[in-house]
Structure formats: C-alpha cells, structure tokens
C-alpha cells in the first residue's frame, strides 16, 4: 500500500483563509472548486479553475497537502507524492456554506 510521506505536516486546526479562493477574491477571478491547504489554511481554487491557485500555493510555499473544501468531500491530495487519500479519523473540513 502506498502512503503519503507528508501526513505529519497536516494541521487540522488551520483556519481557512477565506470562504472562497483567497487569490480569486482579491483579483476578481472565478473558481470551479476549492482546496484547503492543510498546513496553513490557505483556500485556493482547483486545477479545473482558470488560475489553479491551490497548486500555485503548494509550489510557492512547499506545503504539500490540500483537502477538498467542498461540502460532503473529505479527501486529501499530496502534491509531493501525487497521491489522493482519505484519513478516517480526520475531523470534517470547516467548509464554506
């Protein structure tokens, strides 16, 4: 079984930086889906969005793990390991309404 080598960077207490993509809100951009950085709480847009801010945040900061910031979705993704996974004991993301 392949496992993420970066789960120790997850901070389940990280406070989301915004209710939408922080960078799109600042620039007037739009997004498709939201991702939450599990290290610092940055909310960015997904790779299906025009600006791909979540991936850009990960590359610029080195923060490896995001999780879905969409209601009802509880998956995580590690950019460093290119790995989608779930953590059964993870508290729910504080998702936007």
N, C-alpha and C. Protein backbone atom coordinates (compact mmCIF):
# COMPACT_ATOMS: atom_id res chain seq x y z
N UNK A 1 0.84 -1.19 0.00
CA UNK A 1 0.00 0.00 0.00
C UNK A 1 0.88 1.25 0.00
N UNK A 2 0.57 2.18 -0.89
CA UNK A 2 1.31 3.44 -0.97
C UNK A 2 0.72 4.41 0.05
N UNK A 3 1.58 5.08 0.79
CA UNK A 3 1.10 6.05 1.78
C UNK A 3 1.80 7.40 1.58
N UNK A 4 1.14 8.44 2.00
CA UNK A 4 1.69 9.78 1.92
C UNK A 4 2.79 9.94 2.96
N UNK A 5 3.92 10.47 2.53
CA UNK A 5 5.05 10.69 3.44
C UNK A 5 4.97 12.03 4.16
N UNK A 6 3.88 12.78 3.93
CA UNK A 6 3.81 14.14 4.46
C UNK A 6 2.64 14.37 5.42
N UNK A 7 1.99 13.30 5.86
CA UNK A 7 0.83 13.48 6.75
C UNK A 7 1.19 14.21 8.03
N UNK A 8 2.45 14.17 8.42
CA UNK A 8 2.85 14.86 9.65
C UNK A 8 2.83 16.39 9.49
N UNK A 9 2.63 16.90 8.27
CA UNK A 9 2.53 18.35 8.05
C UNK A 9 1.10 18.86 8.20
N UNK A 10 0.14 17.96 8.34
CA UNK A 10 -1.27 18.36 8.43
C UNK A 10 -1.54 19.02 9.77
N UNK A 11 -2.19 20.18 9.71
CA UNK A 11 -2.64 20.89 10.91
C UNK A 11 -4.16 20.98 10.83
N UNK A 12 -4.84 20.08 11.53
CA UNK A 12 -6.30 20.05 11.48
C UNK A 12 -6.92 21.30 12.11
N UNK A 13 -6.12 22.11 12.81
CA UNK A 13 -6.62 23.33 13.42
C UNK A 13 -6.37 24.56 12.56
N UNK A 14 -5.80 24.39 11.37
CA UNK A 14 -5.55 25.53 10.49
C UNK A 14 -6.88 26.19 10.13
N UNK A 15 -6.94 27.49 10.26
CA UNK A 15 -8.17 28.24 9.99
C UNK A 15 -8.21 28.63 8.51
N UNK A 16 -9.30 28.32 7.82
CA UNK A 16 -9.40 28.70 6.40
C UNK A 16 -9.23 30.21 6.22
N UNK A 17 -8.47 30.59 5.21
CA UNK A 17 -8.14 31.99 4.97
C UNK A 17 -9.30 32.79 4.39
N UNK A 18 -10.28 32.13 3.80
CA UNK A 18 -11.42 32.80 3.18
C UNK A 18 -12.52 31.78 2.93
N UNK A 19 -13.71 32.27 2.56
CA UNK A 19 -14.81 31.37 2.23
C UNK A 19 -14.78 30.95 0.77
N UNK A 20 -13.94 31.60 -0.02
CA UNK A 20 -13.73 31.27 -1.43
C UNK A 20 -12.24 31.29 -1.69
N UNK A 21 -11.85 31.17 -2.94
CA UNK A 21 -10.43 31.22 -3.28
C UNK A 21 -9.89 32.60 -2.88
N UNK A 22 -8.96 32.61 -1.97
CA UNK A 22 -8.39 33.85 -1.45
C UNK A 22 -7.84 34.73 -2.57
N UNK A 23 -7.14 34.14 -3.51
CA UNK A 23 -6.50 34.90 -4.59
C UNK A 23 -7.52 35.37 -5.63
N UNK A 24 -8.49 34.52 -5.96
CA UNK A 24 -9.53 34.93 -6.91
C UNK A 24 -10.39 36.05 -6.33
N UNK A 25 -10.69 35.97 -5.05
CA UNK A 25 -11.47 37.03 -4.41
C UNK A 25 -10.72 38.36 -4.50
N UNK A 26 -9.40 38.33 -4.31
CA UNK A 26 -8.60 39.55 -4.35
C UNK A 26 -8.48 40.12 -5.76
N UNK A 27 -8.48 39.24 -6.77
CA UNK A 27 -8.25 39.69 -8.15
C UNK A 27 -9.52 39.77 -9.00
N UNK A 28 -10.63 39.34 -8.46
CA UNK A 28 -11.88 39.32 -9.22
C UNK A 28 -12.01 38.10 -10.12
N UNK A 29 -11.19 37.07 -9.86
CA UNK A 29 -11.24 35.85 -10.65
C UNK A 29 -12.40 34.95 -10.24
N UNK A 30 -12.49 33.80 -10.91
CA UNK A 30 -13.54 32.84 -10.59
C UNK A 30 -12.92 31.46 -10.38
N UNK A 31 -13.65 30.60 -9.74
CA UNK A 31 -13.16 29.26 -9.47
C UNK A 31 -14.24 28.23 -9.72
N UNK A 32 -13.80 26.96 -9.83
CA UNK A 32 -14.72 25.84 -10.02
C UNK A 32 -14.93 25.13 -8.69
N UNK A 33 -13.84 24.68 -8.07
CA UNK A 33 -13.89 24.01 -6.77
C UNK A 33 -12.78 24.58 -5.90
N UNK A 34 -12.92 24.38 -4.59
CA UNK A 34 -11.96 24.94 -3.65
C UNK A 34 -11.15 23.85 -2.96
N UNK A 35 -9.91 24.20 -2.62
CA UNK A 35 -8.99 23.32 -1.89
C UNK A 35 -8.44 24.08 -0.69
N UNK A 36 -8.24 23.37 0.41
CA UNK A 36 -7.75 23.95 1.65
C UNK A 36 -6.35 23.42 1.94
N UNK A 37 -5.37 24.32 2.07
CA UNK A 37 -4.02 23.90 2.44
C UNK A 37 -4.07 23.37 3.86
N UNK A 38 -3.60 22.17 4.05
CA UNK A 38 -3.66 21.54 5.36
C UNK A 38 -2.49 21.92 6.26
N UNK A 39 -1.66 22.82 5.81
CA UNK A 39 -0.58 23.30 6.66
C UNK A 39 -0.87 24.70 7.20
N UNK A 40 -1.42 25.59 6.34
CA UNK A 40 -1.61 26.98 6.78
C UNK A 40 -3.04 27.48 6.66
N UNK A 41 -3.93 26.74 5.99
CA UNK A 41 -5.32 27.17 5.86
C UNK A 41 -5.62 28.00 4.62
N UNK A 42 -4.65 28.19 3.74
CA UNK A 42 -4.90 28.95 2.50
C UNK A 42 -5.99 28.25 1.69
N UNK A 43 -7.01 29.01 1.28
CA UNK A 43 -8.06 28.47 0.42
C UNK A 43 -7.74 28.90 -1.01
N UNK A 44 -7.58 27.91 -1.88
CA UNK A 44 -7.26 28.17 -3.28
C UNK A 44 -8.18 27.40 -4.20
N UNK A 45 -8.16 27.78 -5.47
CA UNK A 45 -9.01 27.12 -6.46
C UNK A 45 -8.30 25.90 -7.05
N UNK A 46 -9.11 24.97 -7.54
CA UNK A 46 -8.62 23.69 -8.06
C UNK A 46 -7.98 23.85 -9.44
N UNK A 47 -7.42 22.77 -9.94
CA UNK A 47 -6.76 22.78 -11.25
C UNK A 47 -7.74 22.87 -12.42
N UNK A 48 -9.04 22.69 -12.18
CA UNK A 48 -10.04 22.90 -13.22
C UNK A 48 -10.42 24.38 -13.31
N UNK A 49 -9.98 25.17 -12.36
CA UNK A 49 -10.23 26.61 -12.35
C UNK A 49 -9.18 27.31 -13.21
N UNK A 50 -9.52 28.48 -13.76
CA UNK A 50 -8.58 29.17 -14.67
C UNK A 50 -7.20 29.46 -14.07
N UNK A 51 -7.14 29.77 -12.76
CA UNK A 51 -5.87 30.22 -12.18
C UNK A 51 -5.13 29.19 -11.33
N UNK A 52 -5.76 28.08 -11.03
CA UNK A 52 -5.10 26.97 -10.30
C UNK A 52 -4.32 27.46 -9.07
N UNK A 53 -4.95 28.29 -8.25
CA UNK A 53 -4.26 28.90 -7.11
C UNK A 53 -3.82 27.90 -6.04
N UNK A 54 -4.55 26.81 -5.82
CA UNK A 54 -4.14 25.84 -4.80
C UNK A 54 -2.80 25.20 -5.18
N UNK A 55 -2.66 24.81 -6.44
CA UNK A 55 -1.39 24.23 -6.90
C UNK A 55 -0.28 25.26 -6.83
N UNK A 56 -0.57 26.49 -7.25
CA UNK A 56 0.42 27.56 -7.18
C UNK A 56 0.89 27.81 -5.76
N UNK A 57 -0.05 27.78 -4.82
CA UNK A 57 0.30 27.96 -3.40
C UNK A 57 1.22 26.85 -2.93
N UNK A 58 0.90 25.62 -3.29
CA UNK A 58 1.73 24.49 -2.88
C UNK A 58 3.15 24.62 -3.45
N UNK A 59 3.25 24.97 -4.73
CA UNK A 59 4.57 25.09 -5.35
C UNK A 59 5.37 26.25 -4.76
N UNK A 60 4.72 27.36 -4.45
CA UNK A 60 5.46 28.52 -3.94
C UNK A 60 5.84 28.41 -2.47
N UNK A 61 5.07 27.65 -1.70
CA UNK A 61 5.34 27.54 -0.26
C UNK A 61 5.98 26.22 0.15
N UNK A 62 5.81 25.20 -0.69
CA UNK A 62 6.29 23.87 -0.32
C UNK A 62 5.30 23.12 0.57
N UNK A 63 4.12 23.68 0.79
CA UNK A 63 3.10 22.98 1.58
C UNK A 63 2.52 21.87 0.71
N UNK A 64 2.69 20.61 1.10
CA UNK A 64 2.39 19.51 0.20
C UNK A 64 0.94 19.04 0.12
N UNK A 65 0.13 19.26 1.16
CA UNK A 65 -1.18 18.61 1.21
C UNK A 65 -2.32 19.61 1.22
N UNK A 66 -3.32 19.34 0.36
CA UNK A 66 -4.59 20.06 0.39
C UNK A 66 -5.69 19.04 0.63
N UNK A 67 -6.83 19.56 1.03
CA UNK A 67 -8.01 18.70 1.08
C UNK A 67 -9.13 19.44 0.39
N UNK A 68 -10.12 18.71 -0.03
CA UNK A 68 -11.27 19.34 -0.66
C UNK A 68 -11.92 20.28 0.33
N UNK A 69 -12.31 21.45 -0.14
CA UNK A 69 -13.03 22.42 0.68
C UNK A 69 -14.45 22.55 0.14
N UNK A 70 -14.97 21.41 -0.33
CA UNK A 70 -16.33 21.33 -0.87
C UNK A 70 -17.19 20.51 0.10
N UNK A 71 -18.44 20.93 0.30
CA UNK A 71 -19.34 20.20 1.20
C UNK A 71 -19.46 18.72 0.82
N UNK A 72 -19.33 17.86 1.81
CA UNK A 72 -19.51 16.43 1.60
C UNK A 72 -18.29 15.69 1.07
N UNK A 73 -17.22 16.40 0.77
CA UNK A 73 -15.99 15.75 0.28
C UNK A 73 -14.93 15.77 1.38
N UNK A 74 -14.34 14.63 1.63
CA UNK A 74 -13.38 14.50 2.73
C UNK A 74 -12.02 13.97 2.29
N UNK A 75 -11.66 14.12 1.02
CA UNK A 75 -10.40 13.58 0.53
C UNK A 75 -9.27 14.60 0.64
N UNK A 76 -8.07 14.06 0.66
CA UNK A 76 -6.83 14.84 0.72
C UNK A 76 -6.02 14.54 -0.53
N UNK A 77 -5.14 15.46 -0.91
CA UNK A 77 -4.22 15.23 -2.02
C UNK A 77 -2.85 15.75 -1.63
N UNK A 78 -1.84 14.92 -1.85
CA UNK A 78 -0.45 15.32 -1.60
C UNK A 78 0.21 15.61 -2.94
N UNK A 79 0.57 16.88 -3.15
CA UNK A 79 1.26 17.26 -4.39
C UNK A 79 2.62 16.58 -4.48
N UNK A 80 3.35 16.51 -3.39
CA UNK A 80 4.70 15.94 -3.40
C UNK A 80 4.70 14.47 -3.78
N UNK A 81 3.70 13.73 -3.31
CA UNK A 81 3.63 12.29 -3.59
C UNK A 81 2.66 11.95 -4.71
N UNK A 82 1.98 12.94 -5.28
CA UNK A 82 0.94 12.72 -6.31
C UNK A 82 -0.03 11.64 -5.85
N UNK A 83 -0.58 11.85 -4.66
CA UNK A 83 -1.39 10.81 -4.03
C UNK A 83 -2.68 11.37 -3.46
N UNK A 84 -3.80 10.77 -3.86
CA UNK A 84 -5.12 11.09 -3.32
C UNK A 84 -5.41 10.08 -2.21
N UNK A 85 -5.87 10.56 -1.06
CA UNK A 85 -6.12 9.64 0.06
C UNK A 85 -7.18 10.22 0.99
N UNK A 86 -7.64 9.38 1.91
CA UNK A 86 -8.57 9.80 2.96
C UNK A 86 -7.97 9.42 4.30
N UNK A 87 -8.39 10.13 5.34
CA UNK A 87 -7.98 9.82 6.71
C UNK A 87 -9.27 9.61 7.49
N UNK A 88 -9.53 8.37 7.86
CA UNK A 88 -10.81 8.03 8.51
C UNK A 88 -11.05 8.83 9.78
N UNK A 89 -10.00 9.14 10.53
CA UNK A 89 -10.15 9.84 11.81
C UNK A 89 -10.10 11.36 11.68
N UNK A 90 -10.02 11.88 10.47
CA UNK A 90 -9.91 13.32 10.27
C UNK A 90 -11.22 14.02 10.61
N UNK A 91 -11.12 15.16 11.32
CA UNK A 91 -12.34 15.93 11.54
C UNK A 91 -12.82 16.52 10.23
N UNK A 92 -14.10 16.83 10.09
CA UNK A 92 -14.60 17.42 8.85
C UNK A 92 -13.92 18.77 8.58
N UNK A 93 -13.70 19.08 7.32
CA UNK A 93 -13.18 20.39 6.96
C UNK A 93 -14.23 21.42 7.30
N UNK A 94 -13.79 22.60 7.73
CA UNK A 94 -14.72 23.68 8.01
C UNK A 94 -15.07 24.34 6.69
N UNK A 95 -15.93 23.69 5.94
CA UNK A 95 -16.24 24.06 4.57
C UNK A 95 -17.17 25.27 4.52
N UNK A 96 -17.10 25.94 3.38
CA UNK A 96 -17.98 27.07 3.15
C UNK A 96 -19.42 26.59 3.00
N UNK A 97 -20.40 27.47 3.20
CA UNK A 97 -21.81 27.04 3.09
C UNK A 97 -22.21 26.65 1.69
